[in-house]
C-alpha cells in the first residue's frame, strides 16, 4: 500500500472569498496516483481500489462544451449568499 499528497493553490479574489481551479484538483489527483503507482511498485492493472480526498462543498459549473465557467467558491468562502436566508427559512418563505 502507498499514499501521496499534493497541495494546490487557493485564490482569494476579494475579502471573504475562496476559490480554486478544478484543473488544479485534477492535476494533484493525477500526480498522486502516478506517485502511488511508482512508490508502491504497483501495476495499474493490479489495483483493486483507489481513494481520493480533497476539496469539498464546491460546485463546478460547466458551459455546453463542458468547460468551467468560473472558478468554484470553496467551503471556506464567508461571502453571504443572496438566497441562503430564504432557502433556510423553508417553503413558507416562498409564499411571501
C-alpha atoms as a PDB file:
ATOM      1  CA  UNK A   1       0.000   0.000   0.000  1.00  0.00           C
ATOM      2  CA  UNK A   2       1.169   3.558  -0.695  1.00  0.00           C
ATOM      3  CA  UNK A   3      -0.105   7.113  -0.352  1.00  0.00           C
ATOM      4  CA  UNK A   4       0.716  10.544  -1.750  1.00  0.00           C
ATOM      5  CA  UNK A   5      -0.314  14.133  -1.098  1.00  0.00           C
ATOM      6  CA  UNK A   6      -0.055  17.189  -3.342  1.00  0.00           C
ATOM      7  CA  UNK A   7      -1.251  20.666  -2.457  1.00  0.00           C
ATOM      8  CA  UNK A   8      -2.926  23.112  -4.817  1.00  0.00           C
ATOM      9  CA  UNK A   9      -3.346  26.878  -4.610  1.00  0.00           C
ATOM     10  CA  UNK A  10      -6.237  28.798  -3.086  1.00  0.00           C
ATOM     11  CA  UNK A  11      -7.260  32.097  -4.627  1.00  0.00           C
ATOM     12  CA  UNK A  12      -8.853  34.942  -2.645  1.00  0.00           C
ATOM     13  CA  UNK A  13     -10.003  37.418  -5.334  1.00  0.00           C
ATOM     14  CA  UNK A  14     -11.698  39.603  -2.708  1.00  0.00           C
ATOM     15  CA  UNK A  15     -12.152  39.578   1.085  1.00  0.00           C
ATOM     16  CA  UNK A  16     -14.222  36.629   2.295  1.00  0.00           C
ATOM     17  CA  UNK A  17     -13.950  34.688  -0.977  1.00  0.00           C
ATOM     18  CA  UNK A  18     -12.024  31.470  -1.542  1.00  0.00           C
ATOM     19  CA  UNK A  19     -11.798  29.868  -4.963  1.00  0.00           C
ATOM     20  CA  UNK A  20      -9.834  27.045  -6.557  1.00  0.00           C
ATOM     21  CA  UNK A  21      -9.263  25.943 -10.122  1.00  0.00           C
ATOM     22  CA  UNK A  22     -10.726  22.457 -10.780  1.00  0.00           C
ATOM     23  CA  UNK A  23      -7.787  21.808 -13.127  1.00  0.00           C
ATOM     24  CA  UNK A  24      -5.525  22.027 -10.060  1.00  0.00           C
ATOM     25  CA  UNK A  25      -7.652  19.329  -8.372  1.00  0.00           C
ATOM     26  CA  UNK A  26      -7.303  17.110 -11.439  1.00  0.00           C
ATOM     27  CA  UNK A  27      -3.542  17.636 -11.724  1.00  0.00           C
ATOM     28  CA  UNK A  28      -2.981  16.927  -8.000  1.00  0.00           C
ATOM     29  CA  UNK A  29      -5.097  13.756  -8.266  1.00  0.00           C
ATOM     30  CA  UNK A  30      -3.227  12.536 -11.356  1.00  0.00           C
ATOM     31  CA  UNK A  31       0.167  13.268  -9.765  1.00  0.00           C
ATOM     32  CA  UNK A  32      -0.882  11.424  -6.599  1.00  0.00           C
ATOM     33  CA  UNK A  33      -1.985   8.329  -8.498  1.00  0.00           C
ATOM     34  CA  UNK A  34       1.232   8.254 -10.548  1.00  0.00           C
ATOM     35  CA  UNK A  35       3.343   8.639  -7.383  1.00  0.00           C
ATOM     36  CA  UNK A  36       1.458   5.874  -5.558  1.00  0.00           C
ATOM     37  CA  UNK A  37       1.862   3.512  -8.503  1.00  0.00           C
ATOM     38  CA  UNK A  38       5.587   4.256  -8.717  1.00  0.00           C
ATOM     39  CA  UNK A  39       6.409   4.304  -4.985  1.00  0.00           C
ATOM     40  CA  UNK A  40       4.261   1.259  -4.253  1.00  0.00           C
ATOM     41  CA  UNK A  41       5.621  -0.600  -7.275  1.00  0.00           C
ATOM     42  CA  UNK A  42       2.007  -1.205  -8.272  1.00  0.00           C
ATOM     43  CA  UNK A  43       0.952  -2.243 -11.750  1.00  0.00           C
ATOM     44  CA  UNK A  44      -2.161  -0.234 -12.737  1.00  0.00           C
ATOM     45  CA  UNK A  45      -3.999  -3.407 -13.816  1.00  0.00           C
ATOM     46  CA  UNK A  46      -3.475  -4.976 -10.376  1.00  0.00           C
ATOM     47  CA  UNK A  47      -5.195  -2.191  -8.430  1.00  0.00           C
ATOM     48  CA  UNK A  48      -8.417  -3.236  -6.686  1.00  0.00           C
ATOM     49  CA  UNK A  49      -9.404   0.198  -5.425  1.00  0.00           C
ATOM     50  CA  UNK A  50      -8.404   3.813  -5.025  1.00  0.00           C
ATOM     51  CA  UNK A  51      -9.420   6.538  -2.600  1.00  0.00           C
ATOM     52  CA  UNK A  52      -9.075  10.279  -3.134  1.00  0.00           C
ATOM     53  CA  UNK A  53      -9.845  13.114  -0.763  1.00  0.00           C
ATOM     54  CA  UNK A  54      -9.693  16.819  -1.464  1.00  0.00           C
ATOM     55  CA  UNK A  55     -11.765  19.940  -1.816  1.00  0.00           C
ATOM     56  CA  UNK A  56     -15.449  19.727  -0.847  1.00  0.00           C
ATOM     57  CA  UNK A  57     -18.507  21.985  -0.703  1.00  0.00           C
ATOM     58  CA  UNK A  58     -17.830  23.483  -4.118  1.00  0.00           C
ATOM     59  CA  UNK A  59     -19.964  23.248  -7.244  1.00  0.00           C
ATOM     60  CA  UNK A  60     -18.260  23.338 -10.623  1.00  0.00           C
ATOM     61  CA  UNK A  61     -20.498  24.857 -13.310  1.00  0.00           C
ATOM     62  CA  UNK A  62     -19.761  23.996 -16.925  1.00  0.00           C
ATOM     63  CA  UNK A  63     -20.852  25.512 -20.227  1.00  0.00           C
ATOM     64  CA  UNK A  64     -22.348  23.484 -23.088  1.00  0.00           C
ATOM     65  CA  UNK A  65     -18.816  22.486 -24.163  1.00  0.00           C
ATOM     66  CA  UNK A  66     -18.040  21.130 -20.675  1.00  0.00           C
ATOM     67  CA  UNK A  67     -15.631  23.977 -19.913  1.00  0.00           C
ATOM     68  CA  UNK A  68     -15.516  25.557 -16.445  1.00  0.00           C
ATOM     69  CA  UNK A  69     -17.492  28.830 -16.449  1.00  0.00           C
ATOM     70  CA  UNK A  70     -15.708  30.323 -13.432  1.00  0.00           C
ATOM     71  CA  UNK A  71     -13.609  29.090 -10.528  1.00  0.00           C
ATOM     72  CA  UNK A  72     -15.872  27.482  -7.919  1.00  0.00           C
ATOM     73  CA  UNK A  73     -16.202  29.016  -4.476  1.00  0.00           C
ATOM     74  CA  UNK A  74     -14.884  26.761  -1.757  1.00  0.00           C
ATOM     75  CA  UNK A  75     -16.343  25.818   1.602  1.00  0.00           C
ATOM     76  CA  UNK A  76     -14.188  28.455   3.286  1.00  0.00           C
ATOM     77  CA  UNK A  77     -15.944  31.332   1.494  1.00  0.00           C
ATOM     78  CA  UNK A  78     -17.577  33.629   4.052  1.00  0.00           C
ATOM     79  CA  UNK A  79     -19.294  35.884   1.488  1.00  0.00           C
ATOM     80  CA  UNK A  80     -23.052  35.780   2.224  1.00  0.00           C
ATOM     81  CA  UNK A  81     -25.156  34.031  -0.394  1.00  0.00           C
ATOM     82  CA  UNK A  82     -28.213  36.070  -1.501  1.00  0.00           C
ATOM     83  CA  UNK A  83     -30.699  33.187  -1.328  1.00  0.00           C
ATOM     84  CA  UNK A  84     -29.315  31.495   1.773  1.00  0.00           C
ATOM     85  CA  UNK A  85     -31.720  33.177   4.212  1.00  0.00           C
ATOM     86  CA  UNK A  86     -34.772  32.413   2.078  1.00  0.00           C
ATOM     87  CA  UNK A  87     -33.643  28.832   1.426  1.00  0.00           C
ATOM     88  CA  UNK A  88     -33.020  28.174   5.103  1.00  0.00           C
ATOM     89  CA  UNK A  89     -36.444  29.549   6.042  1.00  0.00           C
ATOM     90  CA  UNK A  90     -38.219  26.703   4.210  1.00  0.00           C
ATOM     91  CA  UNK A  91     -41.249  26.637   1.891  1.00  0.00           C
ATOM     92  CA  UNK A  92     -43.225  29.217   3.891  1.00  0.00           C
ATOM     93  CA  UNK A  93     -40.717  31.915   2.878  1.00  0.00           C
ATOM     94  CA  UNK A  94     -41.613  31.380  -0.782  1.00  0.00           C
ATOM     95  CA  UNK A  95     -45.258  32.286  -0.101  1.00  0.00           C
ATOM     96  CA  UNK A  96     -44.390  35.872   0.807  1.00  0.00           C
END
